[in-house]
Amino acid sequence: MLNWSVVRKLLIVILALVLLAIIIVPGYRIKKQSEIQQVCRSRLEQIAKAQEKCFAQYGRYVSELTEISGDSLNCTCPLNDSLFILNMPDATHYKLFCPNEHGWISEERASWKQE
């Protein structure tokens, strides 16, 4: 015969675990997305510094990320390894975008520092 008090206690435990998961999982996702965004923006800043160094040395920005991407530079967004988008109207202006909308940077200005 089935003991209903045991079933009821088991259902209460399961319900409590489900409620905990409902509370914890979204917070974890938000934290993880924030960490990915910070890494992405850090990579954009590193590329911007390399662009500024190139401009100081040669008087122009590089038009291809492969020209400055050394071992220490990563030109992809950590979310899905999409390559950053480099927009250059001329050799003295550039804008570097994250394809996943984590931000952009150009001539030492960053979208997240204007917020």
N, C-alpha and C. Protein backbone atom coordinates (compact mmCIF):
# COMPACT_ATOMS: atom_id res chain seq x y z
N MET A 1 0.84 -1.17 0.00
CA MET A 1 0.00 0.00 0.00
C MET A 1 0.89 1.24 0.00
N LEU A 2 0.46 2.25 -0.69
CA LEU A 2 1.21 3.48 -0.84
C LEU A 2 1.02 4.38 0.37
N ASN A 3 2.14 4.84 0.94
CA ASN A 3 2.10 5.72 2.10
C ASN A 3 2.07 7.17 1.60
N TRP A 4 0.91 7.84 1.70
CA TRP A 4 0.72 9.17 1.16
C TRP A 4 1.54 10.22 1.88
N SER A 5 1.85 10.04 3.12
CA SER A 5 2.67 11.03 3.83
C SER A 5 4.09 11.07 3.27
N VAL A 6 4.60 9.92 2.87
CA VAL A 6 5.94 9.87 2.26
C VAL A 6 5.90 10.54 0.88
N VAL A 7 4.85 10.27 0.11
CA VAL A 7 4.72 10.88 -1.21
C VAL A 7 4.59 12.39 -1.08
N ARG A 8 3.82 12.85 -0.11
CA ARG A 8 3.63 14.28 0.11
C ARG A 8 4.96 14.95 0.49
N LYS A 9 5.75 14.32 1.37
CA LYS A 9 7.05 14.87 1.76
C LYS A 9 8.00 14.90 0.57
N LEU A 10 7.96 13.87 -0.24
CA LEU A 10 8.81 13.81 -1.43
C LEU A 10 8.43 14.92 -2.41
N LEU A 11 7.15 15.17 -2.59
CA LEU A 11 6.70 16.25 -3.47
C LEU A 11 7.12 17.61 -2.94
N ILE A 12 7.10 17.80 -1.64
CA ILE A 12 7.54 19.06 -1.04
C ILE A 12 9.03 19.28 -1.28
N VAL A 13 9.82 18.24 -1.14
CA VAL A 13 11.27 18.33 -1.39
C VAL A 13 11.52 18.66 -2.86
N ILE A 14 10.81 18.02 -3.75
CA ILE A 14 10.98 18.28 -5.19
C ILE A 14 10.59 19.71 -5.51
N LEU A 15 9.49 20.16 -4.96
CA LEU A 15 9.03 21.53 -5.17
C LEU A 15 10.06 22.54 -4.65
N ALA A 16 10.63 22.27 -3.50
CA ALA A 16 11.66 23.15 -2.94
C ALA A 16 12.88 23.22 -3.86
N LEU A 17 13.30 22.09 -4.40
CA LEU A 17 14.44 22.06 -5.32
C LEU A 17 14.14 22.83 -6.61
N VAL A 18 12.94 22.69 -7.11
CA VAL A 18 12.55 23.41 -8.32
C VAL A 18 12.55 24.92 -8.06
N LEU A 19 12.04 25.34 -6.93
CA LEU A 19 12.04 26.76 -6.58
C LEU A 19 13.46 27.31 -6.45
N LEU A 20 14.34 26.54 -5.84
CA LEU A 20 15.74 26.96 -5.74
C LEU A 20 16.37 27.11 -7.13
N ALA A 21 16.09 26.18 -8.00
CA ALA A 21 16.63 26.26 -9.37
C ALA A 21 16.10 27.48 -10.09
N ILE A 22 14.83 27.79 -9.89
CA ILE A 22 14.23 28.96 -10.52
C ILE A 22 14.92 30.24 -10.05
N ILE A 23 15.34 30.26 -8.82
CA ILE A 23 16.00 31.44 -8.27
C ILE A 23 17.47 31.51 -8.69
N ILE A 24 18.18 30.40 -8.67
CA ILE A 24 19.63 30.38 -8.89
C ILE A 24 20.02 30.46 -10.36
N VAL A 25 19.35 29.75 -11.25
CA VAL A 25 19.77 29.65 -12.65
C VAL A 25 19.79 31.00 -13.36
N PRO A 26 18.77 31.85 -13.26
CA PRO A 26 18.86 33.15 -13.95
C PRO A 26 20.02 34.01 -13.45
N GLY A 27 20.28 34.00 -12.17
CA GLY A 27 21.41 34.76 -11.63
C GLY A 27 22.73 34.27 -12.19
N TYR A 28 22.87 32.97 -12.33
CA TYR A 28 24.09 32.39 -12.90
C TYR A 28 24.24 32.82 -14.35
N ARG A 29 23.15 32.78 -15.10
CA ARG A 29 23.20 33.17 -16.52
C ARG A 29 23.60 34.63 -16.67
N ILE A 30 23.02 35.49 -15.85
CA ILE A 30 23.34 36.91 -15.92
C ILE A 30 24.81 37.14 -15.59
N LYS A 31 25.31 36.44 -14.57
CA LYS A 31 26.72 36.57 -14.20
C LYS A 31 27.62 36.09 -15.33
N LYS A 32 27.27 34.98 -15.93
CA LYS A 32 28.07 34.41 -17.03
C LYS A 32 28.08 35.37 -18.23
N GLN A 33 26.92 35.94 -18.58
CA GLN A 33 26.84 36.88 -19.69
C GLN A 33 27.68 38.13 -19.40
N SER A 34 27.66 38.58 -18.17
CA SER A 34 28.45 39.74 -17.78
C SER A 34 29.95 39.45 -17.91
N GLU A 35 30.36 38.27 -17.51
CA GLU A 35 31.77 37.89 -17.62
C GLU A 35 32.20 37.83 -19.09
N ILE A 36 31.35 37.27 -19.95
CA ILE A 36 31.67 37.19 -21.37
C ILE A 36 31.78 38.60 -21.96
N GLN A 37 30.87 39.48 -21.58
CA GLN A 37 30.89 40.85 -22.07
C GLN A 37 32.18 41.57 -21.64
N GLN A 38 32.61 41.34 -20.40
CA GLN A 38 33.84 41.97 -19.91
C GLN A 38 35.06 41.47 -20.67
N VAL A 39 35.12 40.18 -20.96
CA VAL A 39 36.24 39.62 -21.72
C VAL A 39 36.24 40.20 -23.13
N CYS A 40 35.06 40.28 -23.73
CA CYS A 40 34.94 40.83 -25.08
C CYS A 40 35.44 42.27 -25.12
N ARG A 41 34.98 43.07 -24.19
CA ARG A 41 35.39 44.48 -24.16
C ARG A 41 36.87 44.63 -23.89
N SER A 42 37.42 43.75 -23.09
CA SER A 42 38.86 43.77 -22.83
C SER A 42 39.64 43.49 -24.12
N ARG A 43 39.15 42.54 -24.90
CA ARG A 43 39.80 42.23 -26.17
C ARG A 43 39.71 43.42 -27.13
N LEU A 44 38.56 44.07 -27.18
CA LEU A 44 38.42 45.26 -28.02
C LEU A 44 39.42 46.34 -27.59
N GLU A 45 39.56 46.53 -26.28
CA GLU A 45 40.51 47.53 -25.78
C GLU A 45 41.95 47.18 -26.14
N GLN A 46 42.30 45.91 -26.07
CA GLN A 46 43.66 45.49 -26.43
C GLN A 46 43.94 45.77 -27.90
N ILE A 47 42.96 45.50 -28.75
CA ILE A 47 43.13 45.77 -30.18
C ILE A 47 43.25 47.27 -30.41
N ALA A 48 42.44 48.06 -29.70
CA ALA A 48 42.51 49.52 -29.83
C ALA A 48 43.89 50.03 -29.44
N LYS A 49 44.46 49.48 -28.38
CA LYS A 49 45.81 49.88 -27.98
C LYS A 49 46.83 49.55 -29.06
N ALA A 50 46.66 48.38 -29.68
CA ALA A 50 47.56 48.00 -30.78
C ALA A 50 47.37 48.92 -31.97
N GLN A 51 46.13 49.32 -32.23
CA GLN A 51 45.87 50.26 -33.32
C GLN A 51 46.54 51.61 -33.03
N GLU A 52 46.43 52.08 -31.81
CA GLU A 52 47.04 53.36 -31.44
C GLU A 52 48.56 53.29 -31.55
N LYS A 53 49.12 52.17 -31.17
CA LYS A 53 50.57 51.98 -31.29
C LYS A 53 50.99 52.02 -32.76
N CYS A 54 50.22 51.36 -33.60
CA CYS A 54 50.50 51.36 -35.04
C CYS A 54 50.38 52.78 -35.61
N PHE A 55 49.35 53.51 -35.17
CA PHE A 55 49.15 54.88 -35.66
C PHE A 55 50.31 55.78 -35.23
N ALA A 56 50.77 55.62 -34.00
CA ALA A 56 51.89 56.43 -33.51
C ALA A 56 53.17 56.12 -34.29
N GLN A 57 53.31 54.87 -34.68
CA GLN A 57 54.53 54.46 -35.36
C GLN A 57 54.49 54.75 -36.86
N TYR A 58 53.34 54.51 -37.52
CA TYR A 58 53.27 54.60 -38.98
C TYR A 58 52.35 55.71 -39.49
N GLY A 59 51.62 56.37 -38.59
CA GLY A 59 50.72 57.44 -39.02
C GLY A 59 49.43 56.96 -39.65
N ARG A 60 49.10 55.71 -39.44
CA ARG A 60 47.85 55.14 -39.98
C ARG A 60 47.43 53.95 -39.13
N TYR A 61 46.15 53.66 -39.18
CA TYR A 61 45.64 52.46 -38.52
C TYR A 61 45.68 51.30 -39.50
N VAL A 62 45.77 50.10 -38.98
CA VAL A 62 45.78 48.93 -39.87
C VAL A 62 44.36 48.67 -40.36
N SER A 63 44.25 48.20 -41.58
CA SER A 63 42.92 47.96 -42.17
C SER A 63 42.47 46.51 -42.04
N GLU A 64 43.38 45.65 -41.65
CA GLU A 64 43.06 44.23 -41.44
C GLU A 64 43.52 43.83 -40.05
N LEU A 65 42.65 43.16 -39.32
CA LEU A 65 43.02 42.74 -37.97
C LEU A 65 44.18 41.76 -37.97
N THR A 66 44.36 41.05 -39.06
CA THR A 66 45.46 40.09 -39.13
C THR A 66 46.82 40.80 -39.12
N GLU A 67 46.85 42.08 -39.47
CA GLU A 67 48.10 42.83 -39.46
C GLU A 67 48.60 43.10 -38.04
N ILE A 68 47.70 43.14 -37.08
CA ILE A 68 48.11 43.42 -35.70
C ILE A 68 47.88 42.25 -34.76
N SER A 69 47.19 41.23 -35.23
CA SER A 69 46.86 40.13 -34.31
C SER A 69 48.08 39.24 -34.11
N GLY A 70 48.73 39.44 -33.01
CA GLY A 70 49.86 38.60 -32.64
C GLY A 70 49.39 37.46 -31.75
N ASP A 71 50.31 36.84 -31.08
CA ASP A 71 49.95 35.74 -30.19
C ASP A 71 49.10 36.21 -29.02
N SER A 72 49.29 37.45 -28.60
CA SER A 72 48.60 37.93 -27.41
C SER A 72 47.23 38.54 -27.72
N LEU A 73 46.95 38.84 -28.99
CA LEU A 73 45.68 39.47 -29.36
C LEU A 73 44.69 38.43 -29.87
N ASN A 74 43.50 38.49 -29.34
CA ASN A 74 42.43 37.62 -29.79
C ASN A 74 41.37 38.51 -30.41
N CYS A 75 41.08 38.32 -31.68
CA CYS A 75 40.17 39.20 -32.43
C CYS A 75 38.77 38.60 -32.56
N THR A 76 38.36 37.82 -31.57
CA THR A 76 37.03 37.21 -31.61
C THR A 76 36.28 37.47 -30.31
N CYS A 77 34.97 37.45 -30.42
CA CYS A 77 34.11 37.57 -29.25
C CYS A 77 34.08 36.22 -28.54
N PRO A 78 34.23 36.19 -27.21
CA PRO A 78 34.25 34.92 -26.50
C PRO A 78 32.90 34.20 -26.46
N LEU A 79 31.82 34.89 -26.83
CA LEU A 79 30.50 34.26 -26.80
C LEU A 79 30.42 33.10 -27.78
N ASN A 80 30.87 33.33 -29.02
CA ASN A 80 30.79 32.28 -30.04
C ASN A 80 31.95 32.33 -31.03
N ASP A 81 33.03 32.97 -30.64
CA ASP A 81 34.25 33.09 -31.45
C ASP A 81 34.02 33.77 -32.80
N SER A 82 33.04 34.67 -32.87
CA SER A 82 32.83 35.47 -34.08
C SER A 82 33.92 36.53 -34.16
N LEU A 83 34.43 36.75 -35.36
CA LEU A 83 35.46 37.77 -35.56
C LEU A 83 34.87 39.15 -35.34
N PHE A 84 35.66 40.04 -34.75
CA PHE A 84 35.26 41.43 -34.62
C PHE A 84 35.17 42.05 -36.01
N ILE A 85 34.36 43.09 -36.13
CA ILE A 85 34.16 43.77 -37.40
C ILE A 85 34.91 45.10 -37.36
N LEU A 86 35.82 45.27 -38.31
CA LEU A 86 36.62 46.49 -38.40
C LEU A 86 36.08 47.35 -39.54
N ASN A 87 35.64 48.56 -39.21
CA ASN A 87 35.13 49.50 -40.20
C ASN A 87 36.10 50.66 -40.29
N MET A 88 36.63 50.89 -41.49
CA MET A 88 37.61 51.96 -41.67
C MET A 88 37.23 52.83 -42.86
N PRO A 89 36.72 54.04 -42.61
CA PRO A 89 36.42 54.93 -43.73
C PRO A 89 37.70 55.44 -44.41
N ASP A 90 38.79 55.55 -43.63
CA ASP A 90 40.10 55.94 -44.17
C ASP A 90 41.18 55.45 -43.21
N ALA A 91 42.44 55.74 -43.52
CA ALA A 91 43.56 55.22 -42.73
C ALA A 91 43.73 55.92 -41.39
N THR A 92 42.97 57.00 -41.15
CA THR A 92 43.13 57.73 -39.90
C THR A 92 41.92 57.60 -38.96
N HIS A 93 40.95 56.79 -39.34
CA HIS A 93 39.77 56.56 -38.50
C HIS A 93 39.39 55.08 -38.57
N TYR A 94 38.93 54.57 -37.46
CA TYR A 94 38.45 53.18 -37.44
C TYR A 94 37.37 53.03 -36.38
N LYS A 95 36.60 51.99 -36.53
CA LYS A 95 35.61 51.61 -35.52
C LYS A 95 35.58 50.09 -35.51
N LEU A 96 35.77 49.53 -34.33
CA LEU A 96 35.82 48.08 -34.17
C LEU A 96 34.58 47.64 -33.39
N PHE A 97 33.81 46.74 -33.97
CA PHE A 97 32.54 46.29 -33.39
C PHE A 97 32.61 44.84 -32.94
N CYS A 98 31.87 44.53 -31.90
CA CYS A 98 31.61 43.14 -31.54
C CYS A 98 30.35 42.73 -32.30
N PRO A 99 30.38 41.60 -33.02
CA PRO A 99 29.19 41.17 -33.76
C PRO A 99 28.03 40.75 -32.86
N ASN A 100 28.31 40.54 -31.59
CA ASN A 100 27.28 40.13 -30.64
C ASN A 100 26.79 41.29 -29.78
N GLU A 101 27.08 42.50 -30.23
CA GLU A 101 26.60 43.74 -29.61
C GLU A 101 27.08 43.95 -28.18
N HIS A 102 28.32 43.53 -27.90
CA HIS A 102 28.90 43.81 -26.59
C HIS A 102 29.50 45.21 -26.54
N GLY A 103 29.60 45.86 -27.69
CA GLY A 103 30.12 47.21 -27.72
C GLY A 103 30.98 47.47 -28.94
N TRP A 104 31.49 48.69 -29.01
CA TRP A 104 32.41 49.11 -30.08
C TRP A 104 33.46 50.03 -29.48
N ILE A 105 34.53 50.19 -30.22
CA ILE A 105 35.60 51.09 -29.80
C ILE A 105 36.19 51.74 -31.03
N SER A 106 36.54 53.03 -30.90
CA SER A 106 37.15 53.73 -32.02
C SER A 106 38.02 54.86 -31.48
N GLU A 107 39.20 55.01 -32.03
CA GLU A 107 40.13 56.07 -31.63
C GLU A 107 40.08 56.35 -30.13
N GLU A 108 40.22 55.32 -29.35
CA GLU A 108 40.26 55.37 -27.88
C GLU A 108 38.92 55.74 -27.23
N ARG A 109 37.83 55.73 -27.96
CA ARG A 109 36.49 55.91 -27.37
C ARG A 109 35.79 54.57 -27.39
N ALA A 110 35.08 54.28 -26.33
CA ALA A 110 34.38 53.01 -26.24
C ALA A 110 32.90 53.24 -25.91
N SER A 111 32.04 52.46 -26.51
CA SER A 111 30.60 52.63 -26.29
C SER A 111 30.21 52.42 -24.84
N TRP A 112 30.86 51.51 -24.13
CA TRP A 112 30.50 51.22 -22.75
C TRP A 112 31.01 52.29 -21.78
N LYS A 113 31.90 53.14 -22.23
CA LYS A 113 32.38 54.22 -21.37
C LYS A 113 31.56 55.49 -21.57
N GLN A 114 30.64 55.45 -22.51
CA GLN A 114 29.75 56.58 -22.77
C GLN A 114 28.40 56.37 -22.10
N GLU A 115 28.17 55.19 -21.57
CA GLU A 115 26.87 54.84 -20.97
C GLU A 115 26.64 55.58 -19.69
